Amino acid sequence: MQYRRMGNPTAFLILTVVLPLLGACDGPGGPRGAHGALDMGAQTALLDSLLPEHDVTRPPPGVDPHTWQQVVPSDNPMTPERVALGKKLYFDTRLSKDGTVACATCHDVSRGFTDQRPVSEGVGDALGKRNAPTTMNAFLMQSLFLDGRAPSLEAQAKLPILNPIEMAHPNEQLALAAIADDPTYKQMFSFAYGRAPNYADLGRAIAAFERTLVFLDAPFDRFLAGDTEAISEEAARGWVLFNGKGRCMSCHQLNPSNPIGTDHRFHNIGVAARKQNFEALARQALEALGQKGDVQAVDRLALQSDLSELGRFLVTKDRADIGAFKTMQLRNIALTGPYMHDGSMKTLWDVMDHYNKGGESNPFLDGGIEPLALNEEEIDAMVELMFALTDARFDEQNQHAFREQRKLAGTERTFRDTAMAEREVFPFEERVMGRVR
């Protein structure tokens, strides 16, 4: 996989020289700090090198002005003061009860703005039930969290602070008290919103900052613009398959008007389905949620219980949503593994194998999930295409991720099932013959 190196030379220096000395990734350098996150100061420095100077009141480079107008809410217009406040809050561990977890702990700048764990770790080393999505390009998402329980970045930003196994403050007042007496914060809230620190503005400020995390400059974009040499021939074949035999475009529409590659909908694609009794879980969920089922109740069940596997059903209570999770963006996907809502797939080869065999059979499987009959060369081409979707500023990390994933795929590929992919055997036959894999 070879792409012409482009991007910020300072970012390249930090990613390839400075961070390895700090232990930027689990491995030879080892994890850094609480929960394995890179030191917050080092993360801030890396972020500053990645994001170009830009007038935040105007659309970011590469973002359509009309789209930008639609995604910035009228009650929280972008200003430098709001972005600065949100940035400070994003990296502040005081927003967690024990002072060890910030937004940037699970959305680490050096790890694709995720934590690169199967599921995230919060205060007291508590593990949740879900994989952390990236905050890169989250401004284009129509709903937030894997089940879409938050309708906006503003709503999303406030929930982890109060979740018992994420940041664990028991209520908004105590969360705010952790920072409200800080003279710097008092001044910053005043400059940003014209009033004293309050929880609603805290969420607004974090959301304003996250709208600056725009990473949409990939080799693939230059390819779409007419540069046929921007991506490899194999990745170009992957693009043909993506729109044809692979059927990826059914849910991952990817074009200049929809640059992140999602339909913003929710689908049961059969991840870990054979481990679940969805009917029993749904009954438990309805009992636990009762008539109210407010967003904080959903938030806790989604991260603290096996009801997490119900996905969108926890939000809608609609049988059609049982086991359904949001179609995630494809941008920078090479940096955001492991994959799926439970982090059960280590590599993009595992992801392709899962779709190739038609997912895991279950009564709520989305009707569009069917075996694809892709051969090995076709799977390789589609994986190559996905690596071409990484922003040029992360070129070195992308190359490293490709090497590591390919190595894992050669030794630990757990979802490969050629017979299912080629329709030589059907799921009911597997069950009847007792060959559940």
Protein backbone atom coordinates (compact mmCIF):
# COMPACT_ATOMS: atom_id res chain seq x y z
CA MET A 1 0.00 0.00 0.00
CA GLN A 2 1.72 3.16 -1.19
CA TYR A 3 0.24 6.66 -1.22
CA ARG A 4 2.07 9.91 -1.75
CA ARG A 5 2.81 11.45 1.63
CA MET A 6 1.07 14.76 2.14
CA GLY A 7 -0.06 16.80 5.13
CA ASN A 8 1.38 18.81 7.99
CA PRO A 9 5.14 18.21 8.46
CA THR A 10 4.93 19.17 12.16
CA ALA A 11 2.23 16.58 12.72
CA PHE A 12 4.35 14.03 10.87
CA LEU A 13 7.31 14.81 13.17
CA ILE A 14 5.22 14.44 16.33
CA LEU A 15 3.54 11.23 15.14
CA THR A 16 6.73 9.55 13.96
CA VAL A 17 9.40 10.88 16.32
CA VAL A 18 8.00 12.46 19.47
CA LEU A 19 5.13 10.08 20.25
CA PRO A 20 7.16 6.88 19.95
CA LEU A 21 9.51 8.30 22.58
CA LEU A 22 6.50 8.95 24.83
CA GLY A 23 5.04 5.51 24.16
CA ALA A 24 2.34 6.66 21.75
CA CYS A 25 0.76 3.25 21.27
CA ASP A 26 0.45 0.08 23.30
CA GLY A 27 3.43 -2.02 22.36
CA PRO A 28 7.17 -1.32 22.69
CA GLY A 29 6.55 2.09 24.24
CA GLY A 30 3.81 0.80 26.54
CA PRO A 31 0.61 2.60 27.58
CA ARG A 32 0.85 6.09 29.03
CA GLY A 33 -0.95 7.50 32.02
CA ALA A 34 -4.33 6.59 33.44
CA HIS A 35 -6.30 4.14 31.29
CA GLY A 36 -3.51 4.08 28.69
CA ALA A 37 -4.26 7.51 27.27
CA LEU A 38 -1.50 9.78 26.06
CA ASP A 39 -0.68 12.61 28.46
CA MET A 40 -3.21 15.41 27.99
CA GLY A 41 -0.52 18.00 27.33
CA ALA A 42 1.05 15.83 24.64
CA GLN A 43 -2.36 15.23 23.10
CA THR A 44 -3.01 18.97 22.98
CA ALA A 45 0.33 19.56 21.28
CA LEU A 46 -0.40 16.88 18.72
CA LEU A 47 -3.85 18.30 18.04
CA ASP A 48 -2.42 21.78 17.51
CA SER A 49 -0.04 20.37 14.92
CA LEU A 50 -2.85 18.55 13.11
CA LEU A 51 -5.43 21.31 12.86
CA PRO A 52 -4.53 24.25 10.63
CA GLU A 53 -5.24 27.83 11.69
CA HIS A 54 -8.79 28.55 10.68
CA ASP A 55 -11.55 31.09 11.25
CA VAL A 56 -13.99 28.89 13.19
CA THR A 57 -16.91 31.15 12.33
CA ARG A 58 -16.60 29.98 8.72
CA PRO A 59 -16.93 26.45 7.25
CA PRO A 60 -13.76 24.36 7.64
CA PRO A 61 -11.71 23.67 4.52
CA GLY A 62 -13.35 20.98 2.43
CA VAL A 63 -16.78 21.30 4.05
CA ASP A 64 -19.69 22.54 1.95
CA PRO A 65 -20.99 25.88 3.33
CA HIS A 66 -24.62 24.76 3.08
CA THR A 67 -23.84 21.57 5.02
CA TRP A 68 -21.99 23.60 7.64
CA GLN A 69 -24.99 25.87 8.06
CA GLN A 70 -27.19 22.85 8.68
CA VAL A 71 -24.97 21.15 11.28
CA VAL A 72 -24.20 24.19 13.47
CA PRO A 73 -27.25 24.82 15.71
CA SER A 74 -28.69 28.30 15.92
CA ASP A 75 -28.35 28.37 19.71
CA ASN A 76 -24.64 27.51 19.62
CA PRO A 77 -22.94 29.35 16.73
CA MET A 78 -19.21 28.84 16.41
CA THR A 79 -16.92 31.41 18.02
CA PRO A 80 -13.22 31.23 18.95
CA GLU A 81 -14.15 31.65 22.64
CA ARG A 82 -16.52 28.69 22.60
CA VAL A 83 -14.06 26.46 20.80
CA ALA A 84 -11.29 27.41 23.25
CA LEU A 85 -13.53 26.62 26.23
CA GLY A 86 -14.61 23.31 24.71
CA LYS A 87 -11.04 22.34 23.99
CA LYS A 88 -10.02 22.96 27.59
CA LEU A 89 -12.98 20.91 28.85
CA TYR A 90 -12.28 18.06 26.40
CA PHE A 91 -8.84 17.47 27.94
CA ASP A 92 -9.78 18.14 31.60
CA THR A 93 -9.78 15.04 33.82
CA ARG A 94 -11.57 16.98 36.57
CA LEU A 95 -14.77 16.24 34.71
CA SER A 96 -14.51 12.69 36.12
CA LYS A 97 -15.25 11.80 39.73
CA ASP A 98 -11.77 10.42 40.44
CA GLY A 99 -9.84 12.89 38.27
CA THR A 100 -8.48 10.25 35.88
CA VAL A 101 -10.83 10.40 32.88
CA ALA A 102 -11.35 13.17 30.33
CA CYS A 103 -13.17 13.11 27.00
CA ALA A 104 -9.71 12.64 25.49
CA THR A 105 -9.15 9.45 27.50
CA CYS A 106 -11.54 7.47 25.32
CA HIS A 107 -11.15 9.81 22.34
CA ASP A 108 -7.36 10.06 22.34
CA VAL A 109 -5.82 12.25 19.61
CA SER A 110 -2.95 9.78 19.18
CA ARG A 111 -5.31 6.83 18.72
CA GLY A 112 -7.61 7.99 15.98
CA PHE A 113 -9.64 9.95 18.55
CA THR A 114 -10.71 6.62 20.07
CA ASP A 115 -9.07 4.44 22.73
CA GLN A 116 -8.41 1.51 20.36
CA ARG A 117 -9.91 -0.89 22.91
CA PRO A 118 -12.74 -3.37 22.32
CA VAL A 119 -14.76 -1.53 24.98
CA SER A 120 -13.91 1.61 26.90
CA GLU A 121 -12.54 1.88 30.42
CA GLY A 122 -13.83 4.47 32.88
CA VAL A 123 -13.28 5.47 36.50
CA GLY A 124 -12.03 2.70 38.77
CA ASP A 125 -11.00 0.72 35.68
CA ALA A 126 -14.65 -0.15 35.05
CA LEU A 127 -15.31 -1.55 31.59
CA GLY A 128 -18.35 -0.60 29.57
CA LYS A 129 -20.16 -2.70 26.99
CA ARG A 130 -19.52 -0.61 23.89
CA ASN A 131 -16.68 0.36 21.61
CA ALA A 132 -15.84 4.09 21.54
CA PRO A 133 -16.60 5.78 18.18
CA THR A 134 -14.16 8.41 16.95
CA THR A 135 -14.88 12.10 17.48
CA MET A 136 -13.28 12.89 14.11
CA ASN A 137 -15.95 14.21 11.73
CA ALA A 138 -18.64 13.56 14.35
CA PHE A 139 -20.10 16.95 13.43
CA LEU A 140 -21.62 15.29 10.34
CA MET A 141 -23.46 12.60 12.33
CA GLN A 142 -27.23 13.06 12.54
CA SER A 143 -27.36 11.28 15.89
CA LEU A 144 -24.71 10.30 18.41
CA PHE A 145 -23.76 7.09 20.24
CA LEU A 146 -24.02 3.69 18.59
CA ASP A 147 -27.76 3.54 19.30
CA GLY A 148 -28.42 7.18 18.40
CA ARG A 149 -29.72 8.06 21.86
CA ALA A 150 -28.34 11.61 21.64
CA PRO A 151 -29.75 13.87 18.91
CA SER A 152 -26.79 16.29 18.87
CA LEU A 153 -23.19 16.77 19.90
CA GLU A 154 -24.43 19.07 22.65
CA ALA A 155 -26.61 16.32 24.13
CA GLN A 156 -23.92 13.68 23.69
CA ALA A 157 -21.21 15.67 25.47
CA LYS A 158 -23.14 15.83 28.74
CA LEU A 159 -23.96 12.13 29.21
CA PRO A 160 -20.55 10.43 29.77
CA ILE A 161 -19.76 12.82 32.63
CA LEU A 162 -22.75 11.45 34.55
CA ASN A 163 -22.52 7.79 33.55
CA PRO A 164 -21.43 5.68 36.58
CA ILE A 165 -18.81 3.71 34.68
CA GLU A 166 -17.51 6.46 32.43
CA MET A 167 -16.76 9.68 34.31
CA ALA A 168 -19.11 8.91 37.20
CA HIS A 169 -20.16 12.29 38.60
CA PRO A 170 -23.46 11.59 40.38
CA ASN A 171 -25.23 14.70 39.08
CA GLU A 172 -24.76 17.86 37.02
CA GLN A 173 -24.21 20.08 40.05
CA LEU A 174 -21.28 18.05 41.39
CA ALA A 175 -19.77 17.72 37.93
CA LEU A 176 -19.91 21.46 37.45
CA ALA A 177 -18.56 22.09 40.96
CA ALA A 178 -15.31 20.38 39.94
CA ILE A 179 -14.47 23.33 37.67
CA ALA A 180 -16.88 26.17 38.50
CA ASP A 181 -14.63 27.88 41.05
CA ASP A 182 -11.63 27.91 38.71
CA PRO A 183 -11.01 31.60 37.82
CA THR A 184 -9.90 30.65 34.32
CA TYR A 185 -13.10 28.76 33.67
CA LYS A 186 -15.19 31.59 35.08
CA GLN A 187 -13.58 33.97 32.62
CA MET A 188 -13.79 31.56 29.69
CA PHE A 189 -17.50 30.82 30.25
CA SER A 190 -18.16 34.54 30.49
CA PHE A 191 -16.32 35.23 27.23
CA ALA A 192 -17.96 32.29 25.46
CA TYR A 193 -21.55 32.53 26.65
CA GLY A 194 -21.82 35.71 28.70
CA ARG A 195 -22.70 33.96 31.95
CA ALA A 196 -21.30 31.93 34.83
CA PRO A 197 -20.32 28.27 34.34
CA ASN A 198 -23.36 26.02 33.88
CA TYR A 199 -23.88 22.48 32.66
CA ALA A 200 -25.79 23.30 29.49
CA ASP A 201 -23.02 25.60 28.27
CA LEU A 202 -20.44 23.00 29.20
CA GLY A 203 -22.08 20.63 26.70
CA ARG A 204 -22.37 23.38 24.11
CA ALA A 205 -18.69 24.28 24.40
CA ILE A 206 -17.47 20.68 24.02
CA ALA A 207 -19.72 20.31 20.98
CA ALA A 208 -18.33 23.52 19.45
CA PHE A 209 -14.79 22.21 19.88
CA GLU A 210 -15.66 18.81 18.40
CA ARG A 211 -16.98 20.55 15.29
CA THR A 212 -13.40 21.59 14.56
CA LEU A 213 -12.22 17.95 14.36
CA VAL A 214 -12.52 17.79 10.59
CA PHE A 215 -10.35 15.14 8.91
CA LEU A 216 -11.55 14.72 5.34
CA ASP A 217 -8.35 15.03 3.30
CA ALA A 218 -7.53 11.50 2.19
CA PRO A 219 -5.92 9.98 -0.91
CA PHE A 220 -9.41 8.82 -1.85
CA ASP A 221 -10.56 12.45 -2.14
CA ARG A 222 -7.82 13.22 -4.64
CA PHE A 223 -8.81 10.07 -6.53
CA LEU A 224 -12.44 11.22 -6.74
CA ALA A 225 -11.23 14.62 -7.91
CA GLY A 226 -9.53 12.97 -10.91
CA ASP A 227 -6.04 12.04 -9.68
CA THR A 228 -5.97 8.39 -10.74
CA GLU A 229 -2.55 7.88 -9.16
CA ALA A 230 -3.62 9.04 -5.70
CA ILE A 231 -4.55 5.50 -4.66
CA SER A 232 -3.23 2.10 -5.66
CA GLU A 233 -4.67 0.05 -8.50
CA GLU A 234 -5.88 -2.46 -5.91
CA ALA A 235 -7.73 0.26 -3.97
CA ALA A 236 -9.29 1.46 -7.24
CA ARG A 237 -10.54 -2.09 -7.84
CA GLY A 238 -11.89 -1.99 -4.30
CA TRP A 239 -13.90 1.13 -5.19
CA VAL A 240 -15.54 -0.73 -8.08
CA LEU A 241 -16.37 -3.62 -5.74
CA PHE A 242 -17.59 -1.21 -3.06
CA ASN A 243 -20.22 0.07 -5.49
CA GLY A 244 -20.97 -3.30 -7.03
CA LYS A 245 -20.46 -6.86 -5.85
CA GLY A 246 -19.55 -5.83 -2.31
CA ARG A 247 -22.79 -3.84 -1.95
CA CYS A 248 -21.18 -1.53 0.63
CA MET A 249 -22.86 1.52 -0.87
CA SER A 250 -26.24 0.20 0.33
CA CYS A 251 -25.47 1.60 3.79
CA HIS A 252 -22.17 3.42 3.32
CA GLN A 253 -22.95 5.98 0.64
CA LEU A 254 -19.68 7.77 0.02
CA ASN A 255 -19.54 10.86 -2.19
CA PRO A 256 -18.77 14.59 -1.91
CA SER A 257 -22.23 15.36 -0.52
CA ASN A 258 -21.96 12.53 2.03
CA PRO A 259 -18.22 12.38 2.70
CA ILE A 260 -18.18 10.19 5.81
CA GLY A 261 -19.95 7.21 4.26
CA THR A 262 -23.02 6.46 6.39
CA ASP A 263 -26.76 6.31 5.83
CA HIS A 264 -27.29 7.54 9.43
CA ARG A 265 -29.62 4.58 9.97
CA PHE A 266 -29.56 1.53 12.25
CA HIS A 267 -29.14 -2.08 11.16
CA ASN A 268 -28.90 -5.52 12.74
CA ILE A 269 -25.92 -6.92 10.86
CA GLY A 270 -25.60 -10.05 13.00
CA VAL A 271 -22.63 -9.21 15.22
CA ALA A 272 -22.33 -11.70 18.09
CA ALA A 273 -25.98 -12.62 17.43
CA ARG A 274 -25.59 -16.31 18.22
CA LYS A 275 -24.62 -15.41 21.79
CA GLN A 276 -27.87 -13.53 22.48
CA ASN A 277 -31.47 -14.39 23.25
CA PHE A 278 -32.84 -11.17 21.79
CA GLU A 279 -36.45 -11.89 22.78
CA ALA A 280 -35.55 -12.38 26.44
CA LEU A 281 -33.31 -9.33 26.47
CA ALA A 282 -36.07 -7.20 24.93
CA ARG A 283 -38.52 -8.25 27.65
CA GLN A 284 -35.95 -7.38 30.33
CA ALA A 285 -35.33 -4.01 28.71
CA LEU A 286 -39.01 -3.08 28.61
CA GLU A 287 -39.33 -3.98 32.27
CA ALA A 288 -36.20 -2.05 33.23
CA LEU A 289 -37.15 1.06 31.26
CA GLY A 290 -40.80 1.06 32.29
CA GLN A 291 -42.97 3.74 30.82
CA LYS A 292 -40.40 6.51 31.07
CA GLY A 293 -37.19 5.18 29.59
CA ASP A 294 -35.40 8.55 29.72
CA VAL A 295 -32.07 9.04 27.99
CA GLN A 296 -30.01 8.65 31.18
CA ALA A 297 -31.70 5.30 31.89
CA VAL A 298 -30.91 4.19 28.35
CA ASP A 299 -27.37 5.48 28.74
CA ARG A 300 -26.79 3.34 31.81
CA LEU A 301 -28.33 0.17 30.42
CA ALA A 302 -26.34 0.57 27.20
CA LEU A 303 -23.02 0.62 29.02
CA GLN A 304 -23.61 -1.41 32.18
CA SER A 305 -25.70 -4.43 31.20
CA ASP A 306 -26.12 -7.15 28.61
CA LEU A 307 -29.12 -5.18 27.38
CA SER A 308 -26.49 -3.23 25.47
CA GLU A 309 -26.81 -5.87 22.72
CA LEU A 310 -30.33 -4.63 21.94
CA GLY A 311 -28.87 -1.50 20.36
CA ARG A 312 -31.41 0.94 18.94
CA PHE A 313 -34.31 -0.95 20.60
CA LEU A 314 -33.35 0.60 23.94
CA VAL A 315 -34.16 4.00 22.44
CA THR A 316 -37.25 3.25 20.35
CA LYS A 317 -38.72 0.07 21.94
CA ASP A 318 -39.52 -0.94 18.36
CA ARG A 319 -39.05 -4.66 17.58
CA ALA A 320 -37.63 -3.74 14.19
CA ASP A 321 -34.68 -2.14 15.99
CA ILE A 322 -33.65 -5.15 18.09
CA GLY A 323 -29.91 -5.67 17.72
CA ALA A 324 -29.60 -2.70 15.37
CA PHE A 325 -26.68 -0.30 15.60
CA LYS A 326 -25.80 2.84 13.71
CA THR A 327 -23.97 2.65 10.41
CA MET A 328 -20.60 4.08 11.35
CA GLN A 329 -18.51 6.39 9.21
CA LEU A 330 -15.74 4.96 7.04
CA ARG A 331 -13.41 7.94 7.30
CA ASN A 332 -10.09 7.14 9.01
CA ILE A 333 -11.42 3.67 9.77
CA ALA A 334 -7.92 2.20 9.66
CA LEU A 335 -7.10 4.08 12.87
CA THR A 336 -10.24 3.29 14.85
CA GLY A 337 -10.17 -0.48 15.35
CA PRO A 338 -11.12 -2.83 16.84
CA TYR A 339 -14.44 -2.79 15.04
CA MET A 340 -18.20 -3.19 15.59
CA HIS A 341 -20.22 -2.08 18.61
CA ASP A 342 -18.51 -4.60 20.87
CA GLY A 343 -15.00 -4.30 19.43
CA SER A 344 -15.10 -7.99 18.54
CA MET A 345 -13.28 -7.67 15.20
CA LYS A 346 -9.60 -6.83 15.26
CA THR A 347 -9.00 -6.09 11.60
CA LEU A 348 -10.77 -4.84 8.49
CA TRP A 349 -10.22 -8.31 7.05
CA ASP A 350 -12.37 -9.67 9.90
CA VAL A 351 -15.02 -7.06 9.08
CA MET A 352 -15.03 -8.07 5.42
CA ASP A 353 -15.22 -11.77 6.35
CA HIS A 354 -18.25 -11.04 8.52
CA TYR A 355 -20.12 -9.33 5.71
CA ASN A 356 -18.90 -11.84 3.14
CA LYS A 357 -20.57 -14.75 4.94
CA GLY A 358 -23.80 -12.76 5.44
CA GLY A 359 -23.39 -11.86 9.11
CA GLU A 360 -24.70 -14.01 11.96
CA SER A 361 -28.17 -15.41 11.38
CA ASN A 362 -30.85 -14.14 13.79
CA PRO A 363 -34.57 -13.34 13.57
CA PHE A 364 -33.86 -9.60 13.39
CA LEU A 365 -31.07 -9.65 10.82
CA ASP A 366 -31.36 -6.77 8.36
CA GLY A 367 -32.79 -7.93 5.05
CA GLY A 368 -29.89 -6.42 3.14
CA ILE A 369 -27.30 -8.64 4.84
CA GLU A 370 -26.59 -11.55 2.49
CA PRO A 371 -23.50 -13.58 1.54
CA LEU A 372 -21.31 -11.72 -0.97
CA ALA A 373 -19.15 -14.52 -2.47
CA LEU A 374 -16.06 -12.30 -2.53
CA ASN A 375 -12.75 -14.08 -3.12
CA GLU A 376 -9.52 -13.30 -1.31
CA GLU A 377 -8.24 -10.88 -3.94
CA GLU A 378 -11.51 -8.95 -3.83
CA ILE A 379 -11.46 -8.76 -0.03
CA ASP A 380 -7.88 -7.48 -0.16
CA ALA A 381 -8.88 -4.80 -2.66
CA MET A 382 -11.75 -3.57 -0.51
CA VAL A 383 -9.54 -3.42 2.56
CA GLU A 384 -6.99 -1.46 0.55
CA LEU A 385 -9.72 1.01 -0.38
CA MET A 386 -10.64 1.53 3.27
CA PHE A 387 -7.06 2.36 4.12
CA ALA A 388 -7.17 4.99 1.35
CA LEU A 389 -9.87 6.79 3.39
CA THR A 390 -7.40 7.90 6.08
CA ASP A 391 -6.62 11.61 6.23
CA ALA A 392 -3.17 12.46 4.86
CA ARG A 393 -2.14 13.89 8.23
CA PHE A 394 -2.13 10.34 9.61
CA ASP A 395 -0.20 8.74 6.77
CA GLU A 396 2.46 7.16 8.97
CA GLN A 397 -0.07 5.76 11.42
CA ASN A 398 -2.06 4.45 8.49
CA GLN A 399 0.92 2.59 7.05
CA HIS A 400 1.67 1.11 10.48
CA ALA A 401 -1.95 0.04 10.98
CA PHE A 402 -1.97 -1.63 7.56
CA ARG A 403 1.11 -3.68 8.39
CA GLU A 404 -0.22 -4.68 11.81
CA GLN A 405 -3.68 -5.60 10.57
CA ARG A 406 -2.34 -7.60 7.67
CA LYS A 407 -0.10 -9.51 10.08
CA LEU A 408 -3.05 -10.25 12.39
CA ALA A 409 -5.22 -11.25 9.45
CA GLY A 410 -2.62 -13.81 8.49
CA THR A 411 -2.67 -15.51 11.89
CA GLU A 412 -5.90 -14.65 13.77
CA ARG A 413 -8.62 -14.38 11.17
CA THR A 414 -11.60 -15.72 13.12
CA PHE A 415 -14.64 -14.92 10.96
CA ARG A 416 -13.60 -16.41 7.63
CA ASP A 417 -16.25 -18.81 6.30
CA THR A 418 -15.89 -19.57 2.60
CA ALA A 419 -18.75 -22.09 2.54
CA MET A 420 -21.20 -19.52 3.89
CA ALA A 421 -19.90 -16.79 1.59
CA GLU A 422 -20.33 -18.99 -1.48
CA ARG A 423 -23.79 -20.20 -0.34
CA GLU A 424 -22.54 -23.77 -0.24
CA VAL A 425 -24.28 -24.09 3.12
CA PHE A 426 -27.06 -22.10 4.76
CA PRO A 427 -27.39 -21.01 8.40
CA PHE A 428 -30.32 -23.35 9.16
CA GLU A 429 -28.25 -26.29 7.88
CA GLU A 430 -25.44 -25.35 10.21
CA ARG A 431 -27.82 -25.33 13.16
CA VAL A 432 -29.54 -28.60 12.23
CA MET A 433 -26.21 -30.35 11.85
CA GLY A 434 -24.93 -28.85 15.07
CA ARG A 435 -22.06 -27.07 13.37
CA VAL A 436 -22.55 -23.65 14.90
CA ARG A 437 -19.31 -21.77 14.36
